[in-house]
Amino acid sequence: MDRLIGAHVSAAGGIYNAVKNADDFDINCFQIFASPPQRWSFKKPEEKDIQKFIADYKTSQQKAFYFHSIYLINLASEDKQKHHLAKMSLIDYLTLNNELGGNGVITHIGTATGTTYEKAIENIRFGVNYVLEKTEKCSVPLILEVTAGTGNTIGSNFTHLKDIIEGVENKDRIKVGFDSAHLYASGYDIVNDLENVLNDFDKLVGLDKVESVHLNDSKVGLNEKRDRHENIGDGTIGAAGIKNLINNDRLKHLPFILETPGSKEDPAPGKSNIEFLKKNAR
């Protein structure tokens, strides 16, 4: 398997279980939560569990892995306590990901609720710079995820990402994570106009900043501004749109990580989605 094909997998019962779970799906890269995604609390794994993860990873078929941050992160927030908690959570995640030999932490950026866009960007820049400074001994990047555009979320427009990154001091450690469902829902027509979408991103941010791609079909249509993942081929992007995306010459070197819902008979991420990816990635 030359291509990087992966999925979000479970780390329940011990963080080292993620490696086995990824191997069992016969993929070669994966993403996990390093703690419960709806809680601020973070407990670093015991040293023996860390060493087991490292040892198991070295002997596995895995070539890359990422953490996805908790869902509570809002670096745009005017609430000082929530902003501080978000920064501390990202510091914990980056530090652990680096210790385990990972490839970075993918995070949602936040929502500009009760503030202006300009102030939200200022808050995000401050938060990102703080996090990167406090983890300066780490080499892994912080990866800002493109969002679907619900409400006042930051990250659904490429200009948002440009504005944030312009104010980041350590630009080497700030990256962007694409998500096919989010791009489509936020108004970027990756089905009929992929090359122009990529051209726009390249001009504003730079395609060299893209670290990973969350691969999902979408339950909602173009520009509907809602985050609803669907199994590959069952949504509005469709099988042809997904095939075109994963085989684009400017993206195919990246890890494609499924966050698909699967089904009762074929639990998430769904082996059928993995097989589709393997069969169609050239």
Foldseek 3Di string as FASTA:
>chain_A
DQFQEAAEDECPPAVLVRLVRGVVLVGAEYEYAQDAQADLDHDDDDPVRLVSSLVSNVPGSHDAYEYEFRQQAALLDPPVVSNVSNLVRQLVRQVSCQSSPHAAYEYEHHFNPPHDLVSSLVSSLVSLQVSCVSVVVGDHAYEYEAAQQAHRGARVDLLSVLSNLVSHDPNNRYAYEYEVQSNQNQANCLQPPVVVSVVVNCVRPRLVRYAAYAYFAYQDGGNNSDDHGAAAQPHDCHPNSSLCVCAPPSDVNHNYYYPHQADPVAGPPGSVSSVSCVVRRD
